[in-house]
Amino acid sequence: MLPTVALVGRPNVGKSTLFNALTRSRDALVHDQPGVTRDRNYGVCRLDPERPFVVIDTGGIAGNEEGLAGATARQARAGAEEADLVLFVVDGREGPSALDDEILKWLRKAARPTLLVVNKVDGIDTQTALNEFARYGFTEVVPIAASHRSGIDELLEDVWPRLPQAGQGEELDQDPERVRVAFVGRPNVGKSTLVNRILGEERMIASDVPGTTRDSISVDLDRDGRKYRLIDTAGLRRRAKVEEAIEKFSVVKTLQAIEQCQVAVLMLDATEGVTDQDATVLGAVLDAGRGLVIAINKWDGLTTYQREQAEALLARKLSFVEWAQEVRISALHGSGLRELFRAIHRAHDSATRVLGTSEVTKALEAAYTANPPPVVRGHVPKLRFAHPGPTNPPTFIVHGTRLKTLSETYRRYLENFFRKRFKLVGTPVRFVFKEGENPFAGRKNELNDRQVAKRRRLIRHIKRNE
């Protein structure tokens, strides 16, 4: 495995900005408001391809052990305890604070290898800023300006000698065998609680406060011989309800997670049914064309009558995604997880299934024979052959003539026929219709001299008869 470096410090000292600078990405949300980062976020620094290492971005430790602040602090401490090296990030403009003293006291008590990093030294006297932190007793202090990527090379020169040699294990973000699963839904439906239950630990901060999760956090999992990458996302709301800048960034990160995943698990609250916000999230998944599993949470808290009413509501409002498998679960107690993973496997296998041209063309011929398309303006559209296109979602490219006249009803018939023929469950199916071009289009039929003379004789003969 790769060595690990954790970024630890009080809120708003620039840890997420440094994380983005080291990973050369924008994976971490950055904002002037303190407390934006809450869960641990992982990335890989490859500024030197021969010496990569994992970077852990943690939330700010605010000294409060209650509520969200306390949960954030516990996540930060967990990240520091699993790291090979801790970068203790402080603010060079504000100087040392009582909170910095408490964090350093904990790091020394935990006996974690620590390197002091003084951030935000741009525009000020660097030596003066370093002298203010001399009482911490570090023999080496690295000044940087993460927002301008200044001092990053010097920081890496101090980090690399302190890290163990990288093993031969897999890297964090380069493993095509992992099934990428994103848990999406509106706020406060239990996404983080479900991920924690699957992992068997408090990996994500779960709270009754809507909007607790702000970033998209990826976690790798090995379960029953299969590899997964679980992505916990922020809750999506209707666009008119999104006002804060931080929430807008969270929405962008969630949409990116949907685009990058292979299967999206849409979580619904059984006590509230399908709301407009749920429809917004479902629309984002369908637009991306990703595999879909619908997890109905809090099912164990319903009475028999409430379950019957919920079943009727779900059947009515989710009729347009009948191909998606529905699973009843309880994220809090862990019931239904086996069925959930079975549905994820079916959706992933269907979405990534590779088909041959011959079997796709045979399926098209069988569909055409069983139910030919209707006549339009005296002509019948002809479906000649088909071949598979990209996967995730499965795409079929159909060639023929007069395909523009195919009705939506017949296109849905083809989709349902192919879905049943190839047993595609939990994934949308797309068709691309291409008409063959006329090889003589735009070409004029030029007559030779003999044909011109014959035409003139024919015209003279017609005129004499008249």
Protein backbone atom coordinates (compact mmCIF):
# COMPACT_ATOMS: atom_id res chain seq x y z
CA MET A 1 0.00 0.00 0.00
CA LEU A 2 1.00 3.61 -0.44
CA PRO A 3 2.21 5.61 2.57
CA THR A 4 -0.33 7.98 4.09
CA VAL A 5 -0.13 11.66 5.08
CA ALA A 6 -2.90 13.36 7.09
CA LEU A 7 -3.58 17.10 7.15
CA VAL A 8 -4.63 18.18 10.65
CA GLY A 9 -5.36 21.59 12.15
CA ARG A 10 -8.03 23.93 13.40
CA PRO A 11 -10.76 25.19 11.05
CA ASN A 12 -9.98 27.50 8.13
CA VAL A 13 -6.18 27.18 8.09
CA GLY A 14 -6.09 25.93 4.48
CA LYS A 15 -6.02 22.14 4.79
CA SER A 16 -8.39 21.55 1.88
CA THR A 17 -6.51 24.05 -0.27
CA LEU A 18 -3.27 22.19 0.48
CA PHE A 19 -5.03 18.88 -0.28
CA ASN A 20 -6.02 20.16 -3.73
CA ALA A 21 -2.49 21.47 -4.34
CA LEU A 22 -0.90 18.11 -3.44
CA THR A 23 -3.36 15.99 -5.42
CA ARG A 24 -3.54 18.44 -8.35
CA SER A 25 -7.31 18.27 -8.22
CA ARG A 26 -10.38 20.10 -6.97
CA ASP A 27 -11.74 17.16 -5.01
CA ALA A 28 -11.96 19.06 -1.72
CA LEU A 29 -14.42 21.90 -1.21
CA VAL A 30 -12.70 25.20 -0.43
CA HIS A 31 -14.50 28.19 1.10
CA ASP A 32 -13.71 31.08 3.43
CA GLN A 33 -16.36 29.84 5.86
CA PRO A 34 -14.83 27.69 8.62
CA GLY A 35 -16.00 24.11 9.01
CA VAL A 36 -16.68 23.29 5.36
CA THR A 37 -14.82 19.95 5.54
CA ARG A 38 -16.36 17.43 7.90
CA ASP A 39 -15.62 13.89 6.71
CA ARG A 40 -12.23 12.49 5.79
CA ASN A 41 -11.37 12.85 2.12
CA TYR A 42 -8.69 10.76 0.41
CA GLY A 43 -6.54 11.51 -2.63
CA VAL A 44 -3.17 10.54 -4.11
CA CYS A 45 -0.23 12.92 -4.53
CA ARG A 46 1.72 12.08 -7.68
CA LEU A 47 3.84 15.20 -8.03
CA ASP A 48 6.73 12.73 -8.15
CA PRO A 49 5.48 9.66 -10.08
CA GLU A 50 8.12 7.48 -8.42
CA ARG A 51 7.11 8.45 -4.86
CA PRO A 52 3.29 8.71 -4.65
CA PHE A 53 1.50 8.82 -1.33
CA VAL A 54 -2.08 9.05 -0.05
CA VAL A 55 -3.27 12.40 1.34
CA ILE A 56 -6.08 12.59 3.92
CA ASP A 57 -7.96 15.86 4.21
CA THR A 58 -9.65 16.18 7.61
CA GLY A 59 -12.11 18.62 9.11
CA GLY A 60 -10.99 21.37 11.44
CA ILE A 61 -10.69 20.49 15.15
CA ALA A 62 -12.65 23.24 16.90
CA GLY A 63 -12.26 22.11 20.51
CA ASN A 64 -15.97 21.27 20.87
CA GLU A 65 -16.72 17.61 21.51
CA GLU A 66 -20.49 17.86 21.00
CA GLY A 67 -22.69 17.79 17.89
CA LEU A 68 -21.23 18.09 14.40
CA ALA A 69 -18.06 19.77 15.68
CA GLY A 70 -17.33 16.82 17.92
CA ALA A 71 -18.01 14.31 15.13
CA THR A 72 -15.70 16.28 12.82
CA ALA A 73 -12.95 16.25 15.45
CA ARG A 74 -13.28 12.49 15.88
CA GLN A 75 -12.97 12.02 12.10
CA ALA A 76 -9.83 14.19 12.09
CA ARG A 77 -8.25 12.25 14.94
CA ALA A 78 -9.07 8.94 13.20
CA GLY A 79 -7.34 10.21 10.05
CA ALA A 80 -4.26 11.22 12.04
CA GLU A 81 -4.06 7.87 13.82
CA GLU A 82 -4.05 5.87 10.57
CA ALA A 83 -1.44 8.10 8.85
CA ASP A 84 2.28 7.50 8.59
CA LEU A 85 2.92 11.26 8.89
CA VAL A 86 0.79 14.16 10.15
CA LEU A 87 1.13 17.62 8.64
CA PHE A 88 0.09 20.01 11.41
CA VAL A 89 -1.20 23.00 9.41
CA VAL A 90 -1.35 26.42 11.14
CA ASP A 91 -2.23 29.95 10.00
CA GLY A 92 0.84 32.16 9.54
CA ARG A 93 -1.23 35.34 9.43
CA GLU A 94 -3.08 34.81 12.71
CA GLY A 95 -0.20 33.17 14.58
CA PRO A 96 -0.47 30.52 17.32
CA SER A 97 -3.75 30.09 19.15
CA ALA A 98 -4.94 28.19 22.21
CA LEU A 99 -6.65 25.72 19.88
CA ASP A 100 -3.36 25.07 18.06
CA ASP A 101 -1.76 24.38 21.44
CA GLU A 102 -4.44 21.80 22.29
CA ILE A 103 -4.12 20.03 18.92
CA LEU A 104 -0.33 19.84 19.23
CA LYS A 105 -0.68 18.52 22.78
CA TRP A 106 -2.94 15.73 21.50
CA LEU A 107 -0.58 14.89 18.61
CA ARG A 108 2.36 14.52 21.00
CA LYS A 109 0.30 12.45 23.40
CA ALA A 110 -0.72 10.19 20.50
CA ALA A 111 2.95 9.94 19.48
CA ARG A 112 2.22 10.67 15.84
CA PRO A 113 5.15 11.69 13.56
CA THR A 114 4.41 15.35 12.90
CA LEU A 115 5.70 18.09 10.61
CA LEU A 116 4.69 21.71 11.24
CA VAL A 117 3.41 23.54 8.14
CA VAL A 118 2.84 27.31 8.37
CA ASN A 119 0.32 28.31 5.70
CA LYS A 120 -0.73 31.72 4.32
CA VAL A 121 2.73 33.32 4.47
CA ASP A 122 2.23 35.12 1.14
CA GLY A 123 2.34 38.92 1.53
CA ILE A 124 3.84 38.86 5.03
CA ASP A 125 7.33 38.56 6.51
CA THR A 126 7.96 34.80 6.47
CA GLN A 127 10.67 34.77 9.14
CA THR A 128 8.50 36.72 11.56
CA ALA A 129 5.64 34.25 11.04
CA LEU A 130 7.98 31.30 11.67
CA ASN A 131 9.40 32.90 14.83
CA GLU A 132 5.91 33.06 16.35
CA PHE A 133 5.71 29.25 16.19
CA ALA A 134 9.23 28.68 17.57
CA ARG A 135 7.79 27.90 21.02
CA TYR A 136 6.31 24.68 19.61
CA GLY A 137 9.83 23.22 19.51
CA PHE A 138 9.91 21.86 15.95
CA THR A 139 13.38 21.58 14.48
CA GLU A 140 12.00 21.91 10.95
CA VAL A 141 9.13 24.21 9.97
CA VAL A 142 7.91 24.55 6.36
CA PRO A 143 6.33 27.86 5.22
CA ILE A 144 3.87 27.61 2.32
CA ALA A 145 1.10 29.50 0.54
CA ALA A 146 -1.23 26.70 -0.55
CA SER A 147 -3.60 28.98 -2.48
CA HIS A 148 -0.68 30.01 -4.76
CA ARG A 149 1.02 26.57 -4.67
CA SER A 150 4.09 28.29 -3.22
CA GLY A 151 6.44 26.20 -1.10
CA ILE A 152 4.92 22.87 -2.17
CA ASP A 153 8.22 21.57 -3.58
CA GLU A 154 10.04 22.40 -0.33
CA LEU A 155 7.28 20.70 1.64
CA LEU A 156 7.57 17.52 -0.42
CA GLU A 157 11.32 17.43 0.09
CA ASP A 158 10.65 17.27 3.84
CA VAL A 159 7.76 14.80 3.54
CA TRP A 160 9.30 12.08 1.37
CA PRO A 161 12.21 11.13 3.71
CA ARG A 162 9.72 10.71 6.58
CA LEU A 163 7.51 8.19 4.73
CA PRO A 164 7.97 4.40 4.56
CA GLN A 165 8.61 2.75 1.22
CA ALA A 166 5.47 2.16 -0.87
CA GLY A 167 4.33 -1.45 -0.98
CA GLN A 168 3.13 -3.40 -3.96
CA GLY A 169 -0.52 -3.06 -3.09
CA GLU A 170 -3.18 -1.42 -5.20
CA GLU A 171 -3.45 2.35 -5.37
CA LEU A 172 -6.40 4.32 -4.11
CA ASP A 173 -7.81 5.63 -7.34
CA GLN A 174 -6.51 3.23 -10.01
CA ASP A 175 -8.29 -0.09 -9.71
CA PRO A 176 -10.64 -0.93 -12.60
CA GLU A 177 -11.87 -4.04 -10.78
CA ARG A 178 -13.71 -2.01 -8.16
CA VAL A 179 -17.43 -1.49 -8.62
CA ARG A 180 -18.05 2.24 -8.18
CA VAL A 181 -21.27 2.73 -6.20
CA ALA A 182 -22.64 6.20 -5.38
CA PHE A 183 -25.26 6.65 -2.67
CA VAL A 184 -27.48 9.55 -3.69
CA GLY A 185 -30.69 11.12 -2.49
CA ARG A 186 -32.11 14.19 -0.87
CA PRO A 187 -30.77 15.40 2.49
CA ASN A 188 -31.32 13.35 5.63
CA VAL A 189 -32.47 10.06 4.09
CA GLY A 190 -29.69 8.01 5.72
CA LYS A 191 -26.90 7.84 3.10
CA SER A 192 -24.03 8.28 5.57
CA THR A 193 -25.69 5.96 8.08
CA LEU A 194 -25.93 3.26 5.41
CA VAL A 195 -22.28 3.63 4.39
CA ASN A 196 -21.21 3.42 8.04
CA ARG A 197 -23.33 0.29 8.51
CA ILE A 198 -21.77 -1.35 5.44
CA LEU A 199 -18.24 -0.48 6.59
CA GLY A 200 -18.90 -1.43 10.20
CA GLU A 201 -17.39 1.79 11.54
CA GLU A 202 -18.19 5.49 11.95
CA ARG A 203 -16.46 6.45 8.71
CA MET A 204 -18.95 9.21 7.82
CA ILE A 205 -20.56 11.75 10.10
CA ALA A 206 -24.22 10.80 10.48
CA SER A 207 -26.58 13.32 12.06
CA ASP A 208 -30.26 14.24 12.16
CA VAL A 209 -29.31 17.69 10.85
CA PRO A 210 -30.04 17.88 7.08
CA GLY A 211 -27.01 18.75 4.95
CA THR A 212 -24.41 17.23 7.30
CA THR A 213 -22.47 15.72 4.38
CA ARG A 214 -21.06 18.43 2.13
CA ASP A 215 -18.43 16.64 0.07
CA SER A 216 -18.39 13.40 -1.94
CA ILE A 217 -16.31 10.93 0.07
CA SER A 218 -14.93 7.72 -1.48
CA VAL A 219 -14.16 4.61 0.57
CA ASP A 220 -12.78 1.30 -0.71
CA LEU A 221 -14.35 -1.94 0.51
CA ASP A 222 -13.65 -5.64 -0.03
CA ARG A 223 -16.73 -7.79 0.63
CA ASP A 224 -17.31 -11.46 -0.17
CA GLY A 225 -14.45 -11.59 -2.65
CA ARG A 226 -15.54 -8.50 -4.61
CA LYS A 227 -14.11 -4.99 -4.56
CA TYR A 228 -16.17 -1.83 -4.24
CA ARG A 229 -15.66 1.90 -4.08
CA LEU A 230 -18.47 3.44 -2.04
CA ILE A 231 -19.15 7.14 -2.61
CA ASP A 232 -21.18 9.02 -0.01
CA THR A 233 -22.61 12.19 -1.55
CA ALA A 234 -24.28 15.34 -0.31
CA GLY A 235 -28.06 15.48 -0.48
CA LEU A 236 -29.52 17.08 -3.61
CA ARG A 237 -32.34 19.58 -3.41
CA ARG A 238 -34.32 21.41 -6.05
CA ARG A 239 -32.34 24.16 -7.74
CA ALA A 240 -34.61 26.89 -6.35
CA LYS A 241 -33.81 25.75 -2.80
CA VAL A 242 -30.01 25.86 -3.22
CA GLU A 243 -28.81 29.22 -1.96
CA GLU A 244 -25.50 28.96 -0.10
CA ALA A 245 -22.31 28.83 -2.15
CA ILE A 246 -21.09 25.81 -0.20
CA GLU A 247 -24.26 23.90 -1.03
CA LYS A 248 -23.89 24.78 -4.71
CA PHE A 249 -20.40 23.28 -4.68
CA SER A 250 -21.80 20.20 -2.91
CA VAL A 251 -24.36 19.78 -5.68
CA VAL A 252 -21.60 19.93 -8.30
CA LYS A 253 -19.59 17.30 -6.43
CA THR A 254 -22.64 15.04 -6.21
CA LEU A 255 -23.34 15.34 -9.94
CA GLN A 256 -19.68 14.53 -10.65
CA ALA A 257 -19.95 11.45 -8.43
CA ILE A 258 -23.01 10.31 -10.37
CA GLU A 259 -21.14 10.72 -13.66
CA GLN A 260 -18.15 8.75 -12.39
CA CYS A 261 -19.99 5.88 -10.72
CA GLN A 262 -21.23 2.68 -12.35
CA VAL A 263 -24.25 2.08 -10.11
CA ALA A 264 -26.22 4.74 -8.26
CA VAL A 265 -28.18 3.74 -5.17
CA LEU A 266 -31.10 6.15 -4.84
CA MET A 267 -32.20 6.25 -1.21
CA LEU A 268 -35.81 7.07 -0.37
CA ASP A 269 -37.45 7.66 2.99
CA ALA A 270 -40.26 5.11 3.40
CA THR A 271 -42.05 7.40 5.86
CA GLU A 272 -42.30 10.23 3.32
CA GLY A 273 -42.61 8.41 -0.01
CA VAL A 274 -41.37 9.85 -3.30
CA THR A 275 -41.02 13.65 -3.10
CA ASP A 276 -40.15 16.29 -5.69
CA GLN A 277 -36.58 16.33 -4.39
CA ASP A 278 -36.33 12.56 -4.97
CA ALA A 279 -37.52 13.12 -8.55
CA THR A 280 -34.73 15.70 -9.01
CA VAL A 281 -32.07 13.20 -7.90
CA LEU A 282 -33.59 10.44 -10.03
CA GLY A 283 -33.53 12.73 -13.07
CA ALA A 284 -29.79 13.35 -12.56
CA VAL A 285 -29.13 9.59 -12.48
CA LEU A 286 -31.21 8.96 -15.62
CA ASP A 287 -29.49 11.82 -17.47
CA ALA A 288 -26.12 10.23 -16.68
CA GLY A 289 -27.39 6.82 -17.82
CA ARG A 290 -26.03 4.99 -14.80
CA GLY A 291 -27.20 1.71 -13.29
CA LEU A 292 -29.89 2.29 -10.70
CA VAL A 293 -30.96 0.58 -7.49
CA ILE A 294 -33.72 2.10 -5.38
CA ALA A 295 -33.15 1.58 -1.64
CA ILE A 296 -36.20 2.35 0.48
CA ASN A 297 -34.88 3.20 3.93
CA LYS A 298 -36.60 3.12 7.35
CA TRP A 299 -38.88 0.29 6.18
CA ASP A 300 -38.69 -1.45 9.55
CA GLY A 301 -40.43 1.45 11.26
CA LEU A 302 -43.69 1.11 9.29
CA THR A 303 -46.84 -0.71 10.27
CA THR A 304 -48.54 -3.19 7.93
CA TYR A 305 -51.04 -0.57 6.77
CA GLN A 306 -48.30 2.01 6.19
CA ARG A 307 -46.32 -0.50 4.15
CA GLU A 308 -49.33 -1.21 1.93
CA GLN A 309 -49.82 2.51 1.35
CA ALA A 310 -46.11 2.99 0.63
CA GLU A 311 -46.10 0.10 -1.85
CA ALA A 312 -49.01 1.63 -3.77
CA LEU A 313 -47.36 5.07 -3.81
CA LEU A 314 -44.04 3.67 -5.02
CA ALA A 315 -45.70 1.62 -7.77
CA ARG A 316 -47.51 4.71 -9.03
CA LYS A 317 -44.70 7.25 -8.88
CA LEU A 318 -41.86 4.97 -10.02
CA SER A 319 -43.68 3.30 -12.89
CA PHE A 320 -41.35 4.91 -15.46
CA VAL A 321 -38.32 3.12 -13.96
CA GLU A 322 -39.84 -0.35 -13.61
CA TRP A 323 -36.51 -1.82 -14.72
CA ALA A 324 -34.83 -0.61 -11.50
CA GLN A 325 -34.85 -3.09 -8.64
CA GLU A 326 -36.34 -1.88 -5.34
CA VAL A 327 -34.86 -3.03 -2.02
CA ARG A 328 -36.36 -2.46 1.43
CA ILE A 329 -33.64 -1.72 3.98
CA SER A 330 -32.89 -0.23 7.38
CA ALA A 331 -29.62 1.69 7.35
CA LEU A 332 -29.69 2.04 11.12
CA HIS A 333 -30.11 -1.67 11.91
CA GLY A 334 -28.50 -3.15 8.78
CA SER A 335 -31.44 -5.18 7.51
CA GLY A 336 -31.68 -5.77 3.76
CA LEU A 337 -27.97 -5.22 3.03
CA ARG A 338 -27.54 -8.64 1.39
CA GLU A 339 -30.43 -7.95 -0.99
CA LEU A 340 -29.00 -4.48 -1.66
CA PHE A 341 -25.65 -5.86 -2.79
CA ARG A 342 -27.34 -8.49 -4.94
CA ALA A 343 -29.25 -5.72 -6.70
CA ILE A 344 -26.02 -3.73 -7.13
CA HIS A 345 -24.34 -6.78 -8.72
CA ARG A 346 -27.23 -7.28 -11.17
CA ALA A 347 -27.25 -3.62 -12.15
CA HIS A 348 -23.47 -3.52 -12.59
CA ASP A 349 -23.34 -6.74 -14.61
CA SER A 350 -26.16 -5.52 -16.88
CA ALA A 351 -24.70 -2.05 -17.34
CA THR A 352 -21.21 -3.32 -18.25
CA ARG A 353 -22.21 -6.44 -20.23
CA VAL A 354 -20.39 -6.82 -23.55
CA LEU A 355 -22.50 -8.21 -26.43
CA GLY A 356 -21.56 -9.34 -29.92
CA THR A 357 -22.82 -7.94 -33.21
CA SER A 358 -24.36 -11.23 -34.34
CA GLU A 359 -26.52 -11.73 -31.24
CA VAL A 360 -27.65 -8.08 -31.33
CA THR A 361 -28.65 -8.38 -35.00
CA LYS A 362 -30.51 -11.63 -34.30
CA ALA A 363 -32.39 -9.90 -31.49
CA LEU A 364 -33.34 -7.08 -33.87
CA GLU A 365 -34.58 -9.59 -36.48
CA ALA A 366 -36.63 -11.42 -33.86
CA ALA A 367 -38.18 -8.15 -32.66
CA TYR A 368 -38.95 -7.11 -36.26
CA THR A 369 -40.52 -10.49 -37.08
CA ALA A 370 -42.64 -10.57 -33.93
CA ASN A 371 -43.94 -7.03 -34.36
CA PRO A 372 -43.06 -5.09 -37.55
CA PRO A 373 -43.23 -1.28 -37.35
CA PRO A 374 -46.46 0.32 -38.59
CA VAL A 375 -46.83 1.84 -42.06
CA VAL A 376 -46.16 5.58 -42.21
CA ARG A 377 -47.28 7.51 -45.33
CA GLY A 378 -47.40 4.31 -47.36
CA HIS A 379 -43.89 3.21 -46.37
CA VAL A 380 -42.63 0.78 -43.75
CA PRO A 381 -39.39 1.58 -41.88
CA LYS A 382 -36.82 -1.15 -42.47
CA LEU A 383 -34.48 -2.30 -39.70
CA ARG A 384 -31.55 -3.96 -41.46
CA PHE A 385 -28.96 -4.78 -38.80
CA ALA A 386 -27.66 -3.62 -35.41
CA HIS A 387 -24.45 -3.71 -33.41
CA PRO A 388 -23.55 -2.87 -29.79
CA GLY A 389 -22.23 0.56 -28.85
CA PRO A 390 -20.70 1.79 -25.57
CA THR A 391 -21.58 0.21 -22.24
CA ASN A 392 -22.83 1.79 -19.00
CA PRO A 393 -25.50 2.26 -20.18
CA PRO A 394 -25.82 -0.48 -22.84
CA THR A 395 -26.23 1.20 -26.22
CA PHE A 396 -27.50 -0.43 -29.43
CA ILE A 397 -26.91 1.16 -32.84
CA VAL A 398 -29.60 0.24 -35.39
CA HIS A 399 -29.11 0.75 -39.14
CA GLY A 400 -31.91 0.89 -41.66
CA THR A 401 -34.08 3.17 -43.79
CA ARG A 402 -36.87 5.59 -42.88
CA LEU A 403 -35.96 5.21 -39.21
CA LYS A 404 -37.01 8.79 -38.47
CA THR A 405 -40.63 7.71 -38.87
CA LEU A 406 -40.42 5.17 -36.04
CA SER A 407 -42.92 6.08 -33.33
CA GLU A 408 -42.02 6.40 -29.65
CA THR A 409 -44.26 3.43 -28.94
CA TYR A 410 -42.22 1.18 -31.25
CA ARG A 411 -38.95 2.47 -29.80
CA ARG A 412 -40.15 1.56 -26.31
CA TYR A 413 -41.13 -1.86 -27.69
CA LEU A 414 -37.58 -2.39 -28.95
CA GLU A 415 -36.16 -1.29 -25.60
CA ASN A 416 -38.37 -3.70 -23.66
CA PHE A 417 -37.69 -6.52 -26.14
CA PHE A 418 -33.90 -6.12 -25.85
CA ARG A 419 -34.11 -5.73 -22.08
CA LYS A 420 -36.02 -9.02 -21.80
CA ARG A 421 -33.91 -10.80 -24.43
CA PHE A 422 -30.57 -10.00 -22.75
CA LYS A 423 -31.92 -9.91 -19.17
CA LEU A 424 -30.82 -6.32 -18.55
CA VAL A 425 -31.90 -5.37 -15.03
CA GLY A 426 -31.22 -2.14 -13.20
CA THR A 427 -29.81 -0.17 -16.11
CA PRO A 428 -31.28 2.14 -18.75
CA VAL A 429 -31.01 1.05 -22.39
CA ARG A 430 -30.27 3.47 -25.21
CA PHE A 431 -30.83 3.14 -28.96
CA VAL A 432 -29.12 5.10 -31.72
CA PHE A 433 -30.85 4.93 -35.11
CA LYS A 434 -28.77 5.55 -38.24
CA GLU A 435 -30.16 5.67 -41.74
CA GLY A 436 -28.05 4.52 -44.66
CA GLU A 437 -27.04 7.28 -47.04
CA ASN A 438 -28.11 7.18 -50.72
CA PRO A 439 -24.87 6.55 -52.68
CA PHE A 440 -26.30 8.43 -55.70
CA ALA A 441 -27.44 11.48 -53.71
CA GLY A 442 -26.14 14.69 -55.36
CA ARG A 443 -24.97 12.92 -58.51
CA LYS A 444 -26.43 13.92 -61.87
CA ASN A 445 -27.04 11.26 -64.50
CA GLU A 446 -25.11 12.59 -67.54
CA LEU A 447 -26.24 11.23 -70.97
CA ASN A 448 -23.66 10.19 -73.54
CA ASP A 449 -23.86 11.28 -77.20
CA ARG A 450 -25.76 8.20 -78.33
CA GLN A 451 -28.37 8.64 -75.57
CA VAL A 452 -28.78 12.33 -76.48
CA ALA A 453 -29.38 11.48 -80.17
CA LYS A 454 -31.89 8.79 -79.22
CA ARG A 455 -33.73 11.23 -76.99
CA ARG A 456 -33.97 13.78 -79.82
CA ARG A 457 -35.37 11.18 -82.22
CA LEU A 458 -37.96 10.18 -79.63
CA ILE A 459 -39.04 13.79 -79.15
CA ARG A 460 -39.37 14.32 -82.94
CA HIS A 461 -41.42 11.12 -83.26
CA ILE A 462 -43.81 12.26 -80.54
CA LYS A 463 -44.29 15.67 -82.14
CA ARG A 464 -45.08 14.13 -85.57
CA ASN A 465 -47.70 11.86 -84.05
CA GLU A 466 -49.31 14.85 -82.35
